[in-house]
């Protein structure tokens, strides 16, 4: 189920990217850079969430 949702999302992103490229809005390199930045932002949010949870454990002695 998770893999199906991921495939659907990847297909949607690919279709949108092809639309932007074919319309001349941006090129493949701009799309690649945007996706990379989105991935980095997602990774940073995940890391921040883990840090916050670890701090809560330190403050209270038990997991949140």
N, C-alpha and C. Protein backbone atom coordinates (compact mmCIF):
# COMPACT_ATOMS: atom_id res chain seq x y z
N UNK A 1 0.82 -1.19 0.00
CA UNK A 1 0.00 0.00 0.00
C UNK A 1 0.87 1.26 0.00
N UNK A 2 1.89 1.27 0.85
CA UNK A 2 2.79 2.42 0.90
C UNK A 2 3.52 2.57 -0.42
N UNK A 3 3.98 1.45 -0.98
CA UNK A 3 4.71 1.52 -2.25
C UNK A 3 3.80 2.00 -3.38
N UNK A 4 2.56 1.60 -3.35
CA UNK A 4 1.61 2.06 -4.36
C UNK A 4 1.42 3.57 -4.27
N UNK A 5 1.29 4.08 -3.07
CA UNK A 5 1.14 5.53 -2.88
C UNK A 5 2.39 6.27 -3.33
N UNK A 6 3.56 5.70 -3.04
CA UNK A 6 4.81 6.33 -3.47
C UNK A 6 4.93 6.33 -4.99
N UNK A 7 4.55 5.21 -5.63
CA UNK A 7 4.58 5.15 -7.09
C UNK A 7 3.64 6.18 -7.70
N UNK A 8 2.44 6.30 -7.11
CA UNK A 8 1.48 7.28 -7.61
C UNK A 8 2.03 8.70 -7.49
N UNK A 9 2.64 8.99 -6.35
CA UNK A 9 3.21 10.32 -6.15
C UNK A 9 4.36 10.57 -7.12
N UNK A 10 5.21 9.57 -7.31
CA UNK A 10 6.33 9.71 -8.25
C UNK A 10 5.81 9.94 -9.67
N UNK A 11 4.77 9.22 -10.06
CA UNK A 11 4.19 9.39 -11.39
C UNK A 11 3.62 10.79 -11.56
N UNK A 12 2.97 11.30 -10.52
CA UNK A 12 2.41 12.65 -10.57
C UNK A 12 3.51 13.70 -10.69
N UNK A 13 4.58 13.54 -9.92
CA UNK A 13 5.71 14.47 -9.98
C UNK A 13 6.35 14.43 -11.37
N UNK A 14 6.52 13.22 -11.91
CA UNK A 14 7.11 13.08 -13.23
C UNK A 14 6.24 13.75 -14.29
N UNK A 15 4.93 13.56 -14.21
CA UNK A 15 4.02 14.17 -15.18
C UNK A 15 4.07 15.70 -15.09
N UNK A 16 4.09 16.22 -13.87
CA UNK A 16 4.17 17.67 -13.71
C UNK A 16 5.50 18.21 -14.23
N UNK A 17 6.58 17.48 -13.96
CA UNK A 17 7.90 17.91 -14.45
C UNK A 17 7.92 17.95 -15.97
N UNK A 18 7.38 16.91 -16.61
CA UNK A 18 7.35 16.88 -18.07
C UNK A 18 6.51 18.02 -18.63
N UNK A 19 5.42 18.37 -17.94
CA UNK A 19 4.58 19.48 -18.38
C UNK A 19 5.37 20.79 -18.32
N UNK A 20 6.09 21.01 -17.23
CA UNK A 20 6.88 22.24 -17.10
C UNK A 20 7.98 22.31 -18.15
N UNK A 21 8.64 21.17 -18.40
CA UNK A 21 9.72 21.14 -19.40
C UNK A 21 9.16 21.40 -20.79
N UNK A 22 8.07 20.70 -21.15
CA UNK A 22 7.52 20.86 -22.50
C UNK A 22 6.93 22.25 -22.73
N UNK A 23 6.46 22.90 -21.68
CA UNK A 23 5.90 24.25 -21.84
C UNK A 23 6.98 25.32 -21.83
N UNK A 24 8.20 24.93 -21.52
CA UNK A 24 9.30 25.89 -21.51
C UNK A 24 9.41 26.70 -20.24
N UNK A 25 8.62 26.35 -19.23
CA UNK A 25 8.67 27.08 -17.96
C UNK A 25 10.03 26.92 -17.30
N UNK A 26 10.55 25.71 -17.33
CA UNK A 26 11.88 25.46 -16.78
C UNK A 26 12.44 24.20 -17.41
N UNK A 27 13.72 24.00 -17.21
CA UNK A 27 14.38 22.85 -17.79
C UNK A 27 14.61 21.75 -16.77
N UNK A 28 15.12 20.62 -17.24
CA UNK A 28 15.36 19.48 -16.36
C UNK A 28 16.28 19.82 -15.18
N UNK A 29 17.28 20.65 -15.41
CA UNK A 29 18.21 20.96 -14.31
C UNK A 29 17.53 21.76 -13.20
N UNK A 30 16.62 22.67 -13.57
CA UNK A 30 15.89 23.42 -12.55
C UNK A 30 14.96 22.51 -11.75
N UNK A 31 14.33 21.58 -12.43
CA UNK A 31 13.45 20.64 -11.75
C UNK A 31 14.25 19.74 -10.83
N UNK A 32 15.37 19.25 -11.31
CA UNK A 32 16.23 18.39 -10.49
C UNK A 32 16.68 19.14 -9.24
N UNK A 33 17.08 20.39 -9.39
CA UNK A 33 17.52 21.20 -8.25
C UNK A 33 16.37 21.41 -7.27
N UNK A 34 15.18 21.68 -7.78
CA UNK A 34 14.02 21.88 -6.90
C UNK A 34 13.70 20.61 -6.11
N UNK A 35 13.74 19.47 -6.78
CA UNK A 35 13.47 18.20 -6.09
C UNK A 35 14.53 17.92 -5.05
N UNK A 36 15.77 18.23 -5.35
CA UNK A 36 16.85 18.04 -4.38
C UNK A 36 16.62 18.92 -3.16
N UNK A 37 16.26 20.18 -3.38
CA UNK A 37 16.00 21.09 -2.27
C UNK A 37 14.81 20.62 -1.44
N UNK A 38 13.78 20.10 -2.10
CA UNK A 38 12.62 19.58 -1.38
C UNK A 38 13.02 18.40 -0.52
N UNK A 39 13.87 17.52 -1.06
CA UNK A 39 14.34 16.37 -0.30
C UNK A 39 15.17 16.78 0.89
N UNK A 40 16.03 17.78 0.70
CA UNK A 40 16.85 18.27 1.80
C UNK A 40 15.98 18.90 2.88
N UNK A 41 14.97 19.64 2.47
CA UNK A 41 14.06 20.27 3.44
C UNK A 41 13.31 19.20 4.23
N UNK A 42 12.89 18.15 3.55
CA UNK A 42 12.19 17.05 4.21
C UNK A 42 13.11 16.37 5.22
N UNK A 43 14.35 16.13 4.83
CA UNK A 43 15.32 15.51 5.72
C UNK A 43 15.59 16.39 6.94
N UNK A 44 15.67 17.70 6.73
CA UNK A 44 15.88 18.62 7.85
C UNK A 44 14.69 18.63 8.80
N UNK A 45 13.47 18.57 8.27
CA UNK A 45 12.28 18.51 9.13
C UNK A 45 12.30 17.23 9.96
N UNK A 46 12.66 16.12 9.34
CA UNK A 46 12.72 14.84 10.05
C UNK A 46 13.77 14.90 11.16
N UNK A 47 14.93 15.46 10.86
CA UNK A 47 15.99 15.59 11.86
C UNK A 47 15.53 16.49 13.00
N UNK A 48 14.90 17.60 12.69
CA UNK A 48 14.41 18.51 13.73
C UNK A 48 13.40 17.81 14.62
N UNK A 49 12.53 17.02 14.03
CA UNK A 49 11.54 16.27 14.80
C UNK A 49 12.22 15.30 15.76
N UNK A 50 13.25 14.61 15.30
CA UNK A 50 13.98 13.68 16.15
C UNK A 50 14.70 14.41 17.28
N UNK A 51 15.26 15.57 16.99
CA UNK A 51 15.95 16.35 18.01
C UNK A 51 14.96 16.81 19.07
N UNK A 52 13.79 17.29 18.64
CA UNK A 52 12.77 17.74 19.59
C UNK A 52 12.33 16.59 20.49
N UNK A 53 12.11 15.43 19.91
CA UNK A 53 11.70 14.27 20.70
C UNK A 53 12.78 13.88 21.69
N UNK A 54 14.05 13.93 21.27
CA UNK A 54 15.16 13.60 22.16
C UNK A 54 15.24 14.61 23.30
N UNK A 55 15.02 15.89 23.02
CA UNK A 55 15.04 16.92 24.06
C UNK A 55 13.91 16.70 25.05
N UNK A 56 12.74 16.31 24.57
CA UNK A 56 11.62 16.05 25.46
C UNK A 56 11.93 14.89 26.39
N UNK A 57 12.60 13.87 25.88
CA UNK A 57 12.99 12.73 26.71
C UNK A 57 13.98 13.20 27.78
N UNK A 58 14.95 14.02 27.39
CA UNK A 58 15.94 14.52 28.34
C UNK A 58 15.28 15.35 29.44
N UNK A 59 14.31 16.18 29.07
CA UNK A 59 13.66 17.06 30.04
C UNK A 59 12.76 16.31 31.00
N UNK A 60 12.10 15.27 30.53
CA UNK A 60 11.10 14.59 31.33
C UNK A 60 11.52 13.18 31.76
N UNK A 61 12.58 12.68 31.19
CA UNK A 61 13.05 11.35 31.55
C UNK A 61 12.28 10.21 30.92
N UNK A 62 11.25 10.52 30.17
CA UNK A 62 10.48 9.48 29.48
C UNK A 62 10.19 9.94 28.06
N UNK A 63 10.05 9.01 27.14
CA UNK A 63 9.74 9.41 25.76
C UNK A 63 8.41 10.14 25.69
N UNK A 64 8.32 11.08 24.76
CA UNK A 64 7.08 11.87 24.59
C UNK A 64 5.97 11.02 24.02
